Amino acid sequence: MFVKICGIKRKEDALAAARFRADAIGMLVGQKYPSKDFISAQEATEIIKRIPRRTIPIIVTHLE
């Protein structure tokens, strides 16, 4: 089974998902519509730098 945890906004949440062996984490970056679920590209970059290599980072966006 492949498990992806979506809507990650904080480094602490990404690390917790990785600790519980999530295969991937999803982050919402690049929004066209107002939403509190999105984070900046810089925040996503910082999260990606800190997760283990076995955890796949996935960026979800509204942008083309």
N, C-alpha and C. Protein backbone atom coordinates (compact mmCIF):
# COMPACT_ATOMS: atom_id res chain seq x y z
N MET A 1 0.84 -1.17 0.00
CA MET A 1 0.00 0.00 0.00
C MET A 1 0.90 1.24 0.00
N PHE A 2 0.53 2.24 -0.80
CA PHE A 2 1.24 3.51 -0.90
C PHE A 2 0.43 4.54 -0.13
N VAL A 3 1.06 5.24 0.81
CA VAL A 3 0.36 6.23 1.64
C VAL A 3 0.96 7.61 1.41
N LYS A 4 0.09 8.57 1.05
CA LYS A 4 0.50 9.97 0.89
C LYS A 4 -0.34 10.81 1.84
N ILE A 5 0.32 11.65 2.62
CA ILE A 5 -0.36 12.58 3.52
C ILE A 5 -0.35 13.94 2.84
N CYS A 6 -1.53 14.50 2.59
CA CYS A 6 -1.63 15.77 1.88
C CYS A 6 -1.89 16.94 2.82
N GLY A 7 -1.67 18.12 2.29
CA GLY A 7 -1.97 19.34 3.05
C GLY A 7 -0.92 19.68 4.09
N ILE A 8 0.30 19.20 3.90
CA ILE A 8 1.37 19.49 4.86
C ILE A 8 1.72 20.97 4.77
N LYS A 9 1.73 21.64 5.93
CA LYS A 9 2.03 23.06 5.97
C LYS A 9 3.21 23.38 6.90
N ARG A 10 3.57 22.43 7.75
CA ARG A 10 4.62 22.68 8.74
C ARG A 10 5.68 21.59 8.70
N LYS A 11 6.92 21.99 8.98
CA LYS A 11 8.02 21.02 9.01
C LYS A 11 7.74 19.91 10.01
N GLU A 12 7.17 20.28 11.15
CA GLU A 12 6.89 19.29 12.20
C GLU A 12 5.91 18.23 11.71
N ASP A 13 4.92 18.64 10.94
CA ASP A 13 3.94 17.69 10.41
C ASP A 13 4.57 16.77 9.36
N ALA A 14 5.45 17.34 8.54
CA ALA A 14 6.15 16.53 7.53
C ALA A 14 7.02 15.47 8.20
N LEU A 15 7.72 15.87 9.25
CA LEU A 15 8.58 14.93 9.95
C LEU A 15 7.77 13.85 10.66
N ALA A 16 6.61 14.23 11.21
CA ALA A 16 5.75 13.24 11.86
C ALA A 16 5.23 12.24 10.83
N ALA A 17 4.80 12.72 9.66
CA ALA A 17 4.34 11.82 8.60
C ALA A 17 5.45 10.86 8.20
N ALA A 18 6.66 11.36 8.06
CA ALA A 18 7.80 10.51 7.70
C ALA A 18 8.11 9.51 8.80
N ARG A 19 8.02 9.95 10.04
CA ARG A 19 8.29 9.06 11.18
C ARG A 19 7.29 7.90 11.22
N PHE A 20 6.05 8.18 10.81
CA PHE A 20 5.03 7.14 10.77
C PHE A 20 5.01 6.38 9.44
N ARG A 21 6.09 6.58 8.65
CA ARG A 21 6.36 5.82 7.42
C ARG A 21 5.43 6.15 6.26
N ALA A 22 4.94 7.38 6.18
CA ALA A 22 4.21 7.78 4.98
C ALA A 22 5.17 7.68 3.80
N ASP A 23 4.70 7.20 2.68
CA ASP A 23 5.54 7.09 1.50
C ASP A 23 5.79 8.45 0.86
N ALA A 24 4.80 9.35 0.99
CA ALA A 24 4.89 10.66 0.36
C ALA A 24 4.15 11.69 1.19
N ILE A 25 4.54 12.95 1.00
CA ILE A 25 3.80 14.05 1.60
C ILE A 25 3.43 15.03 0.49
N GLY A 26 2.24 15.61 0.59
CA GLY A 26 1.79 16.58 -0.40
C GLY A 26 1.70 17.96 0.19
N MET A 27 2.17 18.95 -0.58
CA MET A 27 2.11 20.35 -0.16
C MET A 27 1.45 21.16 -1.26
N LEU A 28 0.57 22.06 -0.88
CA LEU A 28 -0.15 22.91 -1.84
C LEU A 28 0.64 24.20 -2.03
N VAL A 29 1.10 24.45 -3.25
CA VAL A 29 1.91 25.62 -3.57
C VAL A 29 1.40 26.21 -4.88
N GLY A 30 1.28 27.52 -4.96
CA GLY A 30 0.86 28.18 -6.19
C GLY A 30 -0.64 28.20 -6.34
N GLN A 31 -1.28 29.08 -5.63
CA GLN A 31 -2.73 29.10 -5.64
C GLN A 31 -3.28 30.20 -6.53
N LYS A 32 -4.45 29.96 -7.07
CA LYS A 32 -5.18 30.98 -7.83
C LYS A 32 -6.35 31.52 -7.01
N TYR A 33 -6.79 30.76 -6.03
CA TYR A 33 -7.96 31.12 -5.24
C TYR A 33 -7.58 31.18 -3.77
N PRO A 34 -8.22 32.05 -3.00
CA PRO A 34 -7.88 32.17 -1.58
C PRO A 34 -8.11 30.84 -0.84
N SER A 35 -7.13 30.44 -0.08
CA SER A 35 -7.21 29.22 0.72
C SER A 35 -6.13 29.25 1.78
N LYS A 36 -6.44 28.81 2.96
CA LYS A 36 -5.46 28.74 4.05
C LYS A 36 -4.58 27.51 3.94
N ASP A 37 -4.86 26.62 3.01
CA ASP A 37 -4.12 25.37 2.88
C ASP A 37 -2.81 25.50 2.11
N PHE A 38 -2.61 26.61 1.42
CA PHE A 38 -1.42 26.78 0.59
C PHE A 38 -0.26 27.36 1.39
N ILE A 39 0.95 27.00 0.97
CA ILE A 39 2.16 27.55 1.55
C ILE A 39 3.02 28.12 0.42
N SER A 40 4.02 28.89 0.78
CA SER A 40 4.89 29.48 -0.24
C SER A 40 5.86 28.43 -0.78
N ALA A 41 6.43 28.73 -1.94
CA ALA A 41 7.44 27.84 -2.52
C ALA A 41 8.64 27.73 -1.58
N GLN A 42 9.00 28.82 -0.93
CA GLN A 42 10.13 28.79 0.02
C GLN A 42 9.83 27.89 1.21
N GLU A 43 8.61 27.95 1.74
CA GLU A 43 8.24 27.06 2.85
C GLU A 43 8.30 25.60 2.42
N ALA A 44 7.80 25.32 1.22
CA ALA A 44 7.84 23.95 0.70
C ALA A 44 9.28 23.47 0.54
N THR A 45 10.14 24.35 0.05
CA THR A 45 11.56 24.00 -0.11
C THR A 45 12.19 23.64 1.23
N GLU A 46 11.91 24.41 2.25
CA GLU A 46 12.46 24.14 3.58
C GLU A 46 11.95 22.81 4.13
N ILE A 47 10.69 22.49 3.90
CA ILE A 47 10.14 21.22 4.35
C ILE A 47 10.83 20.07 3.60
N ILE A 48 10.95 20.21 2.29
CA ILE A 48 11.56 19.15 1.47
C ILE A 48 13.00 18.88 1.91
N LYS A 49 13.73 19.91 2.28
CA LYS A 49 15.12 19.75 2.72
C LYS A 49 15.23 18.91 3.99
N ARG A 50 14.17 18.88 4.79
CA ARG A 50 14.24 18.23 6.11
C ARG A 50 13.66 16.82 6.17
N ILE A 51 12.89 16.42 5.16
CA ILE A 51 12.30 15.08 5.22
C ILE A 51 13.32 14.04 4.76
N PRO A 52 13.18 12.81 5.25
CA PRO A 52 14.09 11.75 4.82
C PRO A 52 13.97 11.49 3.32
N ARG A 53 15.04 11.00 2.72
CA ARG A 53 15.06 10.75 1.27
C ARG A 53 14.02 9.71 0.85
N ARG A 54 13.63 8.80 1.73
CA ARG A 54 12.66 7.77 1.36
C ARG A 54 11.24 8.32 1.27
N THR A 55 11.01 9.54 1.79
CA THR A 55 9.69 10.17 1.73
C THR A 55 9.64 11.05 0.48
N ILE A 56 8.68 10.79 -0.38
CA ILE A 56 8.57 11.49 -1.66
C ILE A 56 7.81 12.79 -1.46
N PRO A 57 8.40 13.94 -1.82
CA PRO A 57 7.66 15.20 -1.74
C PRO A 57 6.83 15.40 -3.01
N ILE A 58 5.58 15.81 -2.85
CA ILE A 58 4.69 16.05 -3.99
C ILE A 58 4.12 17.45 -3.86
N ILE A 59 4.29 18.23 -4.91
CA ILE A 59 3.76 19.59 -4.93
C ILE A 59 2.44 19.57 -5.72
N VAL A 60 1.41 20.11 -5.13
CA VAL A 60 0.11 20.24 -5.78
C VAL A 60 -0.11 21.73 -6.02
N THR A 61 -0.53 22.09 -7.24
CA THR A 61 -0.66 23.51 -7.58
C THR A 61 -1.86 23.77 -8.49
N HIS A 62 -2.31 25.00 -8.49
CA HIS A 62 -3.35 25.45 -9.44
C HIS A 62 -2.71 26.01 -10.69
N LEU A 63 -1.40 26.28 -10.62
CA LEU A 63 -0.71 26.93 -11.74
C LEU A 63 -0.34 25.94 -12.83
N GLU A 64 -0.22 26.40 -14.04
CA GLU A 64 0.18 25.54 -15.15
C GLU A 64 1.68 25.41 -15.21
